[in-house]
Amino acid sequence: MIEIVLTEGDREQIESLGISVEEIRRQLDLFRTPPPGARLVRCCRVDDGVRVLQEDELPLLLDAWNEAARAGRFTKFVPASGAASRMFQSLSAFLDGPLGSLEELAAAGSAEARDVALFRDQLLRFAFSVPGSVDASSDPSAVRALVRAVLGPEGLGFAEKPKGLIPFHRTPDGGRTPFEEHLIEGARTVRDGDGRCRIHFTVSPEFDRDFRALLESRRAPLERSYGARLDVSFSVQHPSTDTIAVDLQNRPFRLDDGSLLFRPGGHGALLRNLAELRADLLYVKNIDNVVPESRLEVVVLWKKLLGGLLVSLERRALNLSRALEAPGCPGSVLDDAVRFLRSSFGVPVPATDSLEGLCRTLKRRLERPIRVCGVVRDQGEPGGGPFWVEGPDGEITAQIVESSQVDVSDPSQRKIWSSPTHFNPVDLVLSLRDQTGRPYDLDRFVDPSTVFISKRSRDGRDLKALELPGLWNGAMASWNTVFVEVPGETFAPVKTVLDLLRPEHQP
């Protein structure tokens, strides 16, 4: 094994980011000896890990949500730093591809040409206007001019903008961005008794000013429309959550000036931003999963139901935890705690040598952050889903798993992975405070073995990058988790610009 020697300059660079040298050595060890992937046991299905809410439950859950919302317990958290480059990937690839008419290129099998043709033909259905007098004809030079006007800095500049600032939906006064749609959704779901709506966005530093400017331009009309007071905050990913890159021999990757290359640690890095909010109950949702206001009612209803379920689960866990503290805790309390953990979170009855040991074990299992995850019927979308997973200690728990965590070369794992019934749309509600009201130390509940190593390149050289345990994957692996089936209408992601032509994004 090659011994990695860090220079004094390396140490200064590492410490300037707020990272310890010990953490860097731990990351380098992960490259040399990657941890095993998740061990799937089976898919979560209805009545085996996925809960379907019954009609008679709904009024009680709405009451629980309403009480918590009026008390100001809810905050909304939206990761919004992602660039829109992938959204326009096919258009960018078209510019880099061979010359020719769209018809010729499409006939030759170019998927990019087919996408650009559809984009051109449906241009008036998008919520943004292309600047200048761009000719949307079939002439090859005119088509390329159109695409450059959308992507390039001389036009709309969408290739470099964050997805949150791209107009998604047409309105009478122009186009509405997903950032604005989340403000509206927040005004309907996290408003407290005084009208205050706590909403937090994580953004990239170079676009922080743009988000703030859009907020100030839209704040007054939105507050008037919804009788709300928008309490919006922003944060950026901490440099201390960056990870070191290595070459293909697992040696630190160095830039031309000899310095180390660090890369963002993926969405798992946002666990720190989430924790620093010190929120009580927190909704988490992706920036691109929004619908026009005209289709918002079903989304709002299910946000309230998921929030109400979280409140009821938290209340039950808190009461049981307190009851287990009583001297001479009666067996009925132990039985109730066992039933609650098993029926709500799928936690098996722990094996202990004494009632005292059982009581301590049950308290430890109850005193964890809780997450309620909305899941939709599988639609073939790329991404993760709910599975029963066997941990390193043999414990089987309900987890959100993504493809990067699964060893699909193992036939048994590939079979389980390929037969899901539900999909994770990132529709979460989290309970973040313990029975004393203090925020949980969320780092305690991370599974550090769920890092992900990917192949990348920099300046024409290959490298390997390390992503931290995903925010809703390994970063929440030891949380008490409930999956709830929600209607497909609540899930409207925009992964490519052509997704905006789907009915759920049209007026």
Protein backbone atom coordinates (compact mmCIF):
# COMPACT_ATOMS: atom_id res chain seq x y z
CA MET A 1 0.00 0.00 0.00
CA ILE A 2 1.35 3.44 -0.94
CA GLU A 3 1.99 5.67 2.06
CA ILE A 4 0.48 9.10 1.42
CA VAL A 5 2.71 11.96 2.49
CA LEU A 6 1.05 15.33 3.03
CA THR A 7 3.25 18.39 2.79
CA GLU A 8 3.10 21.38 5.10
CA GLY A 9 1.34 23.27 2.30
CA ASP A 10 -1.24 20.45 2.06
CA ARG A 11 -1.92 20.70 5.77
CA GLU A 12 -2.42 24.45 5.57
CA GLN A 13 -4.81 24.05 2.63
CA ILE A 14 -6.77 21.33 4.44
CA GLU A 15 -7.05 23.32 7.65
CA SER A 16 -8.06 26.48 5.76
CA LEU A 17 -11.18 24.58 4.66
CA GLY A 18 -12.03 23.63 8.22
CA ILE A 19 -11.21 19.95 7.64
CA SER A 20 -8.97 17.90 9.93
CA VAL A 21 -5.97 15.99 8.58
CA GLU A 22 -7.41 12.89 10.25
CA GLU A 23 -10.60 13.25 8.19
CA ILE A 24 -8.56 13.50 4.98
CA ARG A 25 -6.67 10.34 5.88
CA ARG A 26 -9.99 8.61 6.56
CA GLN A 27 -11.23 9.67 3.11
CA LEU A 28 -8.04 8.41 1.45
CA ASP A 29 -8.51 5.06 3.20
CA LEU A 30 -12.02 4.85 1.74
CA PHE A 31 -10.63 5.17 -1.78
CA ARG A 32 -8.17 2.36 -1.13
CA THR A 33 -10.68 0.13 0.64
CA PRO A 34 -14.22 1.12 -0.44
CA PRO A 35 -16.97 -0.01 1.95
CA PRO A 36 -19.46 -2.63 0.75
CA GLY A 37 -22.74 -1.47 -0.73
CA ALA A 38 -26.15 -1.68 0.88
CA ARG A 39 -27.40 -5.23 1.46
CA LEU A 40 -30.97 -5.29 0.18
CA VAL A 41 -33.33 -7.77 1.86
CA ARG A 42 -36.51 -6.97 -0.10
CA CYS A 43 -38.49 -4.07 -1.52
CA CYS A 44 -40.79 -2.15 0.77
CA ARG A 45 -44.37 -2.75 -0.37
CA VAL A 46 -47.85 -1.87 0.84
CA ASP A 47 -48.33 -3.41 4.30
CA ASP A 48 -44.64 -4.35 4.36
CA GLY A 49 -42.91 -1.04 4.90
CA VAL A 50 -45.25 1.23 2.92
CA ARG A 51 -48.26 2.63 4.74
CA VAL A 52 -51.51 3.61 3.02
CA LEU A 53 -53.49 6.18 4.95
CA GLN A 54 -57.12 5.26 5.63
CA GLU A 55 -60.03 7.64 5.16
CA ASP A 56 -60.91 7.72 8.85
CA GLU A 57 -57.35 8.79 9.76
CA LEU A 58 -57.33 11.92 7.64
CA PRO A 59 -59.30 14.34 9.89
CA LEU A 60 -57.13 13.46 12.90
CA LEU A 61 -53.92 13.96 10.92
CA LEU A 62 -55.14 17.31 9.58
CA ASP A 63 -55.96 18.41 13.12
CA ALA A 64 -52.46 17.39 14.28
CA TRP A 65 -50.89 19.33 11.41
CA ASN A 66 -53.01 22.39 12.07
CA GLU A 67 -52.10 22.48 15.77
CA ALA A 68 -48.37 22.18 15.05
CA ALA A 69 -48.47 24.66 12.17
CA ARG A 70 -50.28 27.32 14.20
CA ALA A 71 -47.67 26.89 16.94
CA GLY A 72 -44.92 27.67 14.42
CA ARG A 73 -43.26 24.27 14.55
CA PHE A 74 -42.80 23.76 10.80
CA THR A 75 -40.00 25.00 8.53
CA LYS A 76 -39.47 24.26 4.83
CA PHE A 77 -36.00 23.26 3.52
CA VAL A 78 -35.19 23.28 -0.22
CA PRO A 79 -31.80 22.34 -1.69
CA ALA A 80 -31.56 24.84 -4.55
CA SER A 81 -27.89 24.98 -5.47
CA GLY A 82 -28.14 22.55 -8.40
CA ALA A 83 -27.28 23.94 -11.83
CA ALA A 84 -29.68 23.64 -14.74
CA SER A 85 -26.95 22.26 -17.02
CA ARG A 86 -28.37 18.70 -16.91
CA MET A 87 -31.82 20.07 -17.66
CA PHE A 88 -30.46 21.37 -20.99
CA GLN A 89 -27.99 18.53 -21.61
CA SER A 90 -29.46 17.42 -24.94
CA LEU A 91 -29.49 20.98 -26.25
CA SER A 92 -25.85 21.47 -25.24
CA ALA A 93 -24.89 18.15 -26.85
CA PHE A 94 -26.58 19.27 -30.06
CA LEU A 95 -24.36 22.36 -30.24
CA ASP A 96 -21.27 20.17 -29.81
CA GLY A 97 -22.46 17.61 -32.38
CA PRO A 98 -22.20 17.40 -36.15
CA LEU A 99 -23.60 20.04 -38.48
CA GLY A 100 -26.70 19.39 -40.52
CA SER A 101 -30.44 19.90 -40.54
CA LEU A 102 -32.54 18.56 -37.67
CA GLU A 103 -34.37 16.24 -40.04
CA GLU A 104 -31.13 14.73 -41.40
CA LEU A 105 -29.57 14.32 -37.97
CA ALA A 106 -32.73 12.82 -36.48
CA ALA A 107 -33.00 10.36 -39.36
CA ALA A 108 -29.39 9.36 -38.65
CA GLY A 109 -30.38 8.46 -35.07
CA SER A 110 -29.51 11.63 -33.17
CA ALA A 111 -31.63 11.78 -30.01
CA GLU A 112 -30.31 15.30 -29.40
CA ALA A 113 -31.63 16.46 -32.79
CA ARG A 114 -35.06 15.00 -32.01
CA ASP A 115 -35.11 16.82 -28.65
CA VAL A 116 -34.08 20.12 -30.25
CA ALA A 117 -36.75 19.72 -32.93
CA LEU A 118 -39.44 19.23 -30.29
CA PHE A 119 -38.07 22.15 -28.28
CA ARG A 120 -38.17 24.40 -31.36
CA ASP A 121 -41.66 23.31 -32.41
CA GLN A 122 -43.11 23.82 -28.91
CA LEU A 123 -41.19 26.98 -28.07
CA LEU A 124 -44.30 29.06 -27.36
CA ARG A 125 -45.44 26.61 -24.67
CA PHE A 126 -42.46 27.35 -22.43
CA ALA A 127 -42.59 30.01 -19.74
CA PHE A 128 -39.53 31.90 -21.00
CA SER A 129 -39.10 34.12 -24.03
CA VAL A 130 -36.01 33.84 -26.19
CA PRO A 131 -34.37 37.28 -26.53
CA GLY A 132 -33.88 39.07 -29.82
CA SER A 133 -35.31 38.17 -33.18
CA VAL A 134 -34.21 34.55 -33.26
CA ASP A 135 -35.51 32.71 -36.30
CA ALA A 136 -37.05 29.38 -35.23
CA SER A 137 -36.94 27.96 -38.75
CA SER A 138 -35.42 24.68 -39.92
CA ASP A 139 -32.28 26.31 -41.26
CA PRO A 140 -29.31 24.69 -39.42
CA SER A 141 -27.68 28.00 -38.55
CA ALA A 142 -30.98 29.43 -37.29
CA VAL A 143 -31.57 26.37 -35.08
CA ARG A 144 -28.12 26.69 -33.55
CA ALA A 145 -28.66 30.40 -32.99
CA LEU A 146 -31.90 29.56 -31.16
CA VAL A 147 -30.17 27.06 -28.87
CA ARG A 148 -27.29 29.48 -28.18
CA ALA A 149 -29.82 32.20 -27.34
CA VAL A 150 -31.29 29.92 -24.67
CA LEU A 151 -28.06 28.53 -23.24
CA GLY A 152 -25.34 31.11 -23.88
CA PRO A 153 -24.37 34.16 -21.80
CA GLU A 154 -25.32 36.43 -24.69
CA GLY A 155 -28.92 35.20 -24.31
CA LEU A 156 -30.81 33.70 -21.39
CA GLY A 157 -27.69 32.00 -20.01
CA PHE A 158 -29.62 28.94 -18.81
CA ALA A 159 -26.62 26.61 -19.17
CA GLU A 160 -24.99 28.22 -16.14
CA LYS A 161 -27.98 29.29 -14.05
CA PRO A 162 -29.34 27.27 -11.12
CA LYS A 163 -32.51 25.33 -11.85
CA GLY A 164 -34.36 27.33 -9.19
CA LEU A 165 -34.12 30.50 -11.30
CA ILE A 166 -35.38 29.02 -14.61
CA PRO A 167 -39.00 30.01 -15.41
CA PHE A 168 -41.05 26.80 -15.26
CA HIS A 169 -44.68 27.86 -15.46
CA ARG A 170 -46.50 30.47 -17.50
CA THR A 171 -48.53 33.08 -15.64
CA PRO A 172 -50.50 36.11 -16.89
CA ASP A 173 -47.59 38.38 -15.91
CA GLY A 174 -44.78 36.22 -17.27
CA GLY A 175 -43.03 33.07 -16.08
CA ARG A 176 -42.81 31.67 -12.57
CA THR A 177 -39.64 29.97 -11.31
CA PRO A 178 -39.56 26.92 -9.02
CA PHE A 179 -38.13 29.22 -6.34
CA GLU A 180 -41.35 31.24 -6.45
CA GLU A 181 -43.49 28.07 -6.55
CA HIS A 182 -41.81 26.87 -3.35
CA LEU A 183 -42.56 30.19 -1.67
CA ILE A 184 -46.22 29.75 -2.58
CA GLU A 185 -46.28 26.13 -1.40
CA GLY A 186 -44.58 27.21 1.83
CA ALA A 187 -47.20 29.90 2.40
CA ARG A 188 -49.83 27.15 2.26
CA THR A 189 -48.06 24.54 4.41
CA VAL A 190 -45.76 26.11 7.03
CA ARG A 191 -47.61 29.33 7.93
CA ASP A 192 -48.00 29.75 11.68
CA GLY A 193 -50.77 31.40 13.64
CA ASP A 194 -49.23 34.85 13.08
CA GLY A 195 -48.79 34.32 9.35
CA ARG A 196 -45.04 33.68 9.54
CA CYS A 197 -43.63 31.19 7.00
CA ARG A 198 -40.13 29.88 7.70
CA ILE A 199 -38.47 28.74 4.44
CA HIS A 200 -34.80 27.97 3.89
CA PHE A 201 -32.93 27.51 0.61
CA THR A 202 -29.40 26.22 0.12
CA VAL A 203 -27.85 28.02 -2.85
CA SER A 204 -24.50 28.28 -4.61
CA PRO A 205 -22.47 31.34 -3.53
CA GLU A 206 -22.30 32.86 -7.02
CA PHE A 207 -26.11 33.01 -7.27
CA ASP A 208 -26.96 33.99 -3.70
CA ARG A 209 -27.54 37.61 -4.77
CA ASP A 210 -29.85 36.53 -7.64
CA PHE A 211 -32.09 34.49 -5.33
CA ARG A 212 -32.27 37.34 -2.84
CA ALA A 213 -33.12 39.85 -5.58
CA LEU A 214 -35.92 37.63 -6.90
CA LEU A 215 -37.26 37.21 -3.36
CA GLU A 216 -37.40 40.96 -2.80
CA SER A 217 -39.11 41.57 -6.13
CA ARG A 218 -41.81 38.99 -5.37
CA ARG A 219 -42.14 39.26 -1.59
CA ALA A 220 -44.79 42.00 -1.35
CA PRO A 221 -47.28 40.60 -3.91
CA LEU A 222 -46.94 37.07 -2.56
CA GLU A 223 -47.42 38.19 1.03
CA ARG A 224 -50.53 40.15 0.04
CA SER A 225 -51.97 37.21 -1.91
CA TYR A 226 -51.53 34.67 0.89
CA GLY A 227 -51.79 36.79 4.01
CA ALA A 228 -48.34 35.52 4.93
CA ARG A 229 -45.05 36.89 6.19
CA LEU A 230 -42.20 35.22 4.32
CA ASP A 231 -39.30 34.52 6.68
CA VAL A 232 -36.81 33.27 4.10
CA SER A 233 -33.18 32.40 4.79
CA PHE A 234 -30.30 31.13 2.65
CA SER A 235 -27.11 29.17 3.20
CA VAL A 236 -24.30 27.76 1.09
CA GLN A 237 -22.54 24.42 1.33
CA HIS A 238 -19.71 24.57 3.87
CA PRO A 239 -16.16 24.16 2.51
CA SER A 240 -15.52 21.78 5.41
CA THR A 241 -17.86 19.27 3.74
CA ASP A 242 -15.77 19.14 0.55
CA THR A 243 -13.94 15.88 -0.08
CA ILE A 244 -10.48 15.21 -1.47
CA ALA A 245 -10.07 13.81 -5.00
CA VAL A 246 -7.52 11.18 -5.97
CA ASP A 247 -5.96 9.89 -9.17
CA LEU A 248 -6.53 6.37 -10.42
CA GLN A 249 -3.71 5.12 -8.15
CA ASN A 250 -5.54 6.58 -5.12
CA ARG A 251 -2.97 9.33 -4.63
CA PRO A 252 -4.19 12.86 -3.90
CA PHE A 253 -5.07 14.59 -7.18
CA ARG A 254 -2.96 17.71 -7.60
CA LEU A 255 -3.61 20.74 -9.76
CA ASP A 256 -0.95 22.34 -11.94
CA ASP A 257 0.19 24.55 -9.06
CA GLY A 258 0.66 21.50 -6.82
CA SER A 259 -2.35 22.16 -4.60
CA LEU A 260 -4.85 19.45 -3.67
CA LEU A 261 -8.16 19.19 -5.50
CA PHE A 262 -11.28 19.24 -3.33
CA ARG A 263 -14.78 18.73 -4.68
CA PRO A 264 -18.29 19.29 -3.23
CA GLY A 265 -19.36 16.28 -1.18
CA GLY A 266 -22.80 15.82 -2.80
CA HIS A 267 -26.21 16.51 -1.25
CA GLY A 268 -25.17 14.68 1.91
CA ALA A 269 -23.03 17.72 2.70
CA LEU A 270 -26.27 19.63 3.33
CA LEU A 271 -26.85 17.70 6.55
CA ARG A 272 -24.79 20.40 8.26
CA ASN A 273 -26.94 23.19 6.76
CA LEU A 274 -30.03 21.31 7.87
CA ALA A 275 -28.71 20.82 11.40
CA GLU A 276 -27.67 24.47 11.77
CA LEU A 277 -31.26 25.57 11.21
CA ARG A 278 -32.05 24.06 14.62
CA ALA A 279 -35.58 23.55 13.31
CA ASP A 280 -38.30 21.62 15.08
CA LEU A 281 -40.30 19.96 12.26
CA LEU A 282 -38.90 20.27 8.75
CA TYR A 283 -40.32 19.69 5.27
CA VAL A 284 -37.67 18.73 2.68
CA LYS A 285 -38.34 18.79 -1.04
CA ASN A 286 -36.27 19.09 -4.24
CA ILE A 287 -36.24 22.42 -6.05
CA ASP A 288 -37.53 20.95 -9.34
CA ASN A 289 -40.54 19.10 -7.92
CA VAL A 290 -43.20 21.80 -8.16
CA VAL A 291 -46.54 22.25 -9.90
CA PRO A 292 -48.35 25.38 -11.07
CA GLU A 293 -50.55 27.05 -8.51
CA SER A 294 -53.65 25.76 -10.29
CA ARG A 295 -52.61 22.17 -9.44
CA LEU A 296 -51.42 22.84 -5.90
CA GLU A 297 -54.43 21.70 -3.86
CA VAL A 298 -53.60 17.98 -3.83
CA VAL A 299 -49.95 18.76 -3.03
CA VAL A 300 -50.92 20.95 -0.08
CA LEU A 301 -53.37 18.35 1.25
CA TRP A 302 -50.73 15.63 1.30
CA LYS A 303 -48.12 17.92 2.80
CA LYS A 304 -50.52 18.50 5.67
CA LEU A 305 -51.28 14.79 6.04
CA LEU A 306 -47.61 13.80 6.11
CA GLY A 307 -46.90 16.55 8.62
CA GLY A 308 -49.82 15.49 10.79
CA LEU A 309 -48.64 11.88 10.76
CA LEU A 310 -45.17 12.99 11.85
CA VAL A 311 -46.65 14.99 14.73
CA SER A 312 -48.72 12.01 15.91
CA LEU A 313 -45.75 9.62 15.72
CA GLU A 314 -43.50 12.05 17.55
CA ARG A 315 -46.10 12.54 20.28
CA ARG A 316 -46.51 8.78 20.77
CA ALA A 317 -42.74 8.20 20.86
CA LEU A 318 -42.28 11.00 23.38
CA ASN A 319 -45.01 9.69 25.69
CA LEU A 320 -43.60 6.15 25.59
CA SER A 321 -40.07 7.37 26.21
CA ARG A 322 -41.21 9.27 29.29
CA ALA A 323 -43.23 6.29 30.53
CA LEU A 324 -40.14 4.08 30.24
CA GLU A 325 -38.28 6.39 32.62
CA ALA A 326 -40.70 5.66 35.47
CA PRO A 327 -39.29 3.49 38.28
CA GLY A 328 -40.55 -0.08 38.06
CA CYS A 329 -41.84 0.46 34.53
CA PRO A 330 -44.87 -1.83 34.11
CA GLY A 331 -44.82 -4.56 31.49
CA SER A 332 -47.76 -2.97 29.69
CA VAL A 333 -45.58 0.05 28.85
CA LEU A 334 -42.85 -2.22 27.51
CA ASP A 335 -45.41 -4.07 25.41
CA ASP A 336 -46.79 -0.79 24.07
CA ALA A 337 -43.30 0.42 23.14
CA VAL A 338 -42.47 -2.85 21.37
CA ARG A 339 -45.75 -2.74 19.41
CA PHE A 340 -45.27 0.91 18.48
CA LEU A 341 -41.72 0.43 17.21
CA ARG A 342 -42.67 -2.69 15.27
CA SER A 343 -45.88 -1.36 13.72
CA SER A 344 -44.65 2.17 12.97
CA PHE A 345 -41.00 1.69 11.97
CA GLY A 346 -40.62 -2.06 11.42
CA VAL A 347 -38.22 -2.37 14.37
CA PRO A 348 -38.05 -6.00 15.60
CA VAL A 349 -38.28 -6.88 19.29
CA PRO A 350 -34.73 -6.56 20.63
CA ALA A 351 -33.17 -9.53 22.44
CA THR A 352 -32.01 -8.59 25.95
CA ASP A 353 -31.19 -10.43 29.16
CA SER A 354 -33.40 -8.40 31.48
CA LEU A 355 -36.37 -6.09 31.67
CA GLU A 356 -33.98 -3.27 32.55
CA GLY A 357 -31.97 -4.00 29.42
CA LEU A 358 -35.12 -4.10 27.32
CA CYS A 359 -36.23 -0.78 28.76
CA ARG A 360 -32.89 0.87 27.92
CA THR A 361 -32.91 -0.58 24.40
CA LEU A 362 -36.46 0.59 23.75
CA LYS A 363 -35.65 4.10 24.97
CA ARG A 364 -32.63 4.29 22.66
CA ARG A 365 -34.76 3.21 19.69
CA LEU A 366 -37.51 5.70 20.54
CA GLU A 367 -35.10 8.59 21.04
CA ARG A 368 -34.09 9.05 17.42
CA PRO A 369 -35.04 11.58 14.77
CA ILE A 370 -38.19 10.55 12.89
CA ARG A 371 -38.79 10.96 9.17
CA VAL A 372 -42.02 10.45 7.28
CA CYS A 373 -41.31 9.89 3.58
CA GLY A 374 -43.92 10.20 0.89
CA VAL A 375 -43.42 7.59 -1.85
CA VAL A 376 -45.23 7.24 -5.16
CA ARG A 377 -45.98 4.19 -7.24
CA ASP A 378 -42.93 3.38 -9.34
CA GLN A 379 -43.06 5.30 -12.64
CA GLY A 380 -39.73 4.25 -14.08
CA GLU A 381 -38.07 7.52 -13.07
CA PRO A 382 -34.31 7.37 -12.36
CA GLY A 383 -33.60 7.49 -8.66
CA GLY A 384 -34.02 5.59 -5.43
CA GLY A 385 -36.79 3.84 -3.61
CA PRO A 386 -37.79 2.25 -0.28
CA PHE A 387 -36.14 -1.05 0.65
CA TRP A 388 -35.55 -3.21 3.69
CA VAL A 389 -31.78 -3.16 4.24
CA GLU A 390 -29.54 -5.29 6.44
CA GLY A 391 -27.00 -3.17 8.30
CA PRO A 392 -23.46 -4.15 9.36
CA ASP A 393 -24.82 -5.23 12.77
CA GLY A 394 -27.47 -7.46 11.18
CA GLU A 395 -30.29 -5.04 11.98
CA ILE A 396 -32.90 -4.77 9.22
CA THR A 397 -34.37 -1.30 8.73
CA ALA A 398 -36.40 0.61 6.15
CA GLN A 399 -34.13 2.79 4.01
CA ILE A 400 -34.17 4.97 0.92
CA VAL A 401 -31.64 3.36 -1.44
CA GLU A 402 -30.20 4.66 -4.72
CA SER A 403 -28.51 2.69 -7.49
CA SER A 404 -25.02 3.83 -6.49
CA GLN A 405 -25.40 1.94 -3.21
CA VAL A 406 -26.28 -1.44 -4.77
CA ASP A 407 -23.94 -4.13 -6.08
CA VAL A 408 -25.90 -5.02 -9.22
CA SER A 409 -23.22 -7.55 -10.20
CA ASP A 410 -24.73 -9.78 -7.49
CA PRO A 411 -27.72 -11.51 -9.16
CA SER A 412 -29.75 -11.66 -5.94
CA GLN A 413 -29.23 -7.95 -5.27
CA ARG A 414 -29.97 -7.06 -8.89
CA LYS A 415 -33.24 -8.98 -8.73
CA ILE A 416 -34.40 -7.12 -5.62
CA TRP A 417 -33.27 -3.77 -7.01
CA SER A 418 -35.13 -4.31 -10.28
CA SER A 419 -38.52 -5.08 -8.74
CA PRO A 420 -39.59 -1.98 -6.74
CA THR A 421 -43.21 -1.01 -6.35
CA HIS A 422 -42.54 2.54 -5.12
CA PHE A 423 -40.22 5.44 -5.84
CA ASN A 424 -38.70 8.11 -3.60
CA PRO A 425 -39.70 11.59 -4.85
CA VAL A 426 -37.84 13.33 -1.95
CA ASP A 427 -40.98 14.37 -0.12
CA LEU A 428 -39.92 14.27 3.53
CA VAL A 429 -41.05 15.60 6.88
CA LEU A 430 -38.54 15.41 9.73
CA SER A 431 -38.74 15.60 13.51
CA LEU A 432 -35.41 17.04 14.68
CA ARG A 433 -35.70 17.59 18.46
CA ASP A 434 -35.45 15.13 21.32
CA GLN A 435 -37.80 14.71 24.27
CA THR A 436 -36.18 17.67 26.06
CA GLY A 437 -36.67 19.97 23.07
CA ARG A 438 -32.99 20.05 22.15
CA PRO A 439 -31.89 19.42 18.54
CA TYR A 440 -30.53 15.94 17.90
CA ASP A 441 -26.85 15.56 17.05
CA LEU A 442 -27.60 14.36 13.53
CA ASP A 443 -24.05 13.12 12.91
CA ARG A 444 -24.77 10.28 15.36
CA PHE A 445 -27.31 8.78 12.98
CA VAL A 446 -25.20 8.75 9.79
CA ASP A 447 -23.99 5.47 8.29
CA PRO A 448 -20.43 6.42 7.21
CA SER A 449 -20.13 3.31 5.05
CA THR A 450 -22.64 4.68 2.52
CA VAL A 451 -20.16 6.96 0.76
CA PHE A 452 -20.07 6.82 -3.03
CA ILE A 453 -16.96 6.85 -5.25
CA SER A 454 -17.37 8.09 -8.83
CA LYS A 455 -15.09 8.55 -11.85
CA ARG A 456 -14.60 12.15 -13.03
CA SER A 457 -12.04 14.19 -14.92
CA ARG A 458 -10.28 17.51 -14.52
CA ASP A 459 -8.13 19.26 -17.14
CA GLY A 460 -8.20 16.11 -19.27
CA ARG A 461 -7.01 13.87 -16.45
CA ASP A 462 -9.06 11.08 -14.88
CA LEU A 463 -9.78 11.18 -11.17
CA LYS A 464 -11.94 9.58 -8.49
CA ALA A 465 -14.32 11.65 -6.36
CA LEU A 466 -15.94 10.86 -3.03
CA GLU A 467 -19.53 11.76 -2.20
CA LEU A 468 -20.68 11.83 1.41
CA PRO A 469 -23.60 9.64 2.56
CA GLY A 470 -26.64 11.06 0.75
CA LEU A 471 -28.86 13.45 2.68
CA TRP A 472 -31.93 11.18 2.55
CA ASN A 473 -29.89 7.95 2.18
CA GLY A 474 -26.94 7.14 4.44
CA ALA A 475 -27.08 10.47 6.29
CA MET A 476 -30.46 9.39 7.74
CA ALA A 477 -29.78 5.65 7.87
CA SER A 478 -30.40 5.32 11.61
CA TRP A 479 -33.52 7.47 11.79
CA ASN A 480 -36.90 6.00 12.63
CA THR A 481 -38.53 5.91 9.19
CA VAL A 482 -42.08 5.64 7.87
CA PHE A 483 -42.94 5.37 4.17
CA VAL A 484 -46.39 6.61 3.11
CA GLU A 485 -47.93 6.15 -0.32
CA VAL A 486 -48.90 9.51 -1.82
CA PRO A 487 -50.70 10.28 -5.10
CA GLY A 488 -48.65 10.53 -8.27
CA GLU A 489 -50.05 14.05 -8.78
CA THR A 490 -47.81 15.26 -5.96
CA PHE A 491 -44.69 14.32 -7.95
CA ALA A 492 -43.84 16.51 -10.95
CA PRO A 493 -40.04 16.57 -11.39
CA VAL A 494 -38.32 18.53 -14.15
CA LYS A 495 -35.16 16.67 -15.10
CA THR A 496 -35.04 17.91 -18.71
CA VAL A 497 -36.46 21.03 -20.29
CA LEU A 498 -38.92 18.89 -22.27
CA ASP A 499 -40.51 17.76 -18.98
CA LEU A 500 -42.03 21.24 -18.88
CA LEU A 501 -44.28 20.18 -21.77
CA ARG A 502 -45.96 17.53 -19.61
CA PRO A 503 -49.60 18.27 -18.67
CA GLU A 504 -48.74 18.78 -14.99
CA HIS A 505 -46.60 21.81 -15.91
CA GLN A 506 -48.95 23.39 -18.41
CA PRO A 507 -51.72 25.86 -17.47
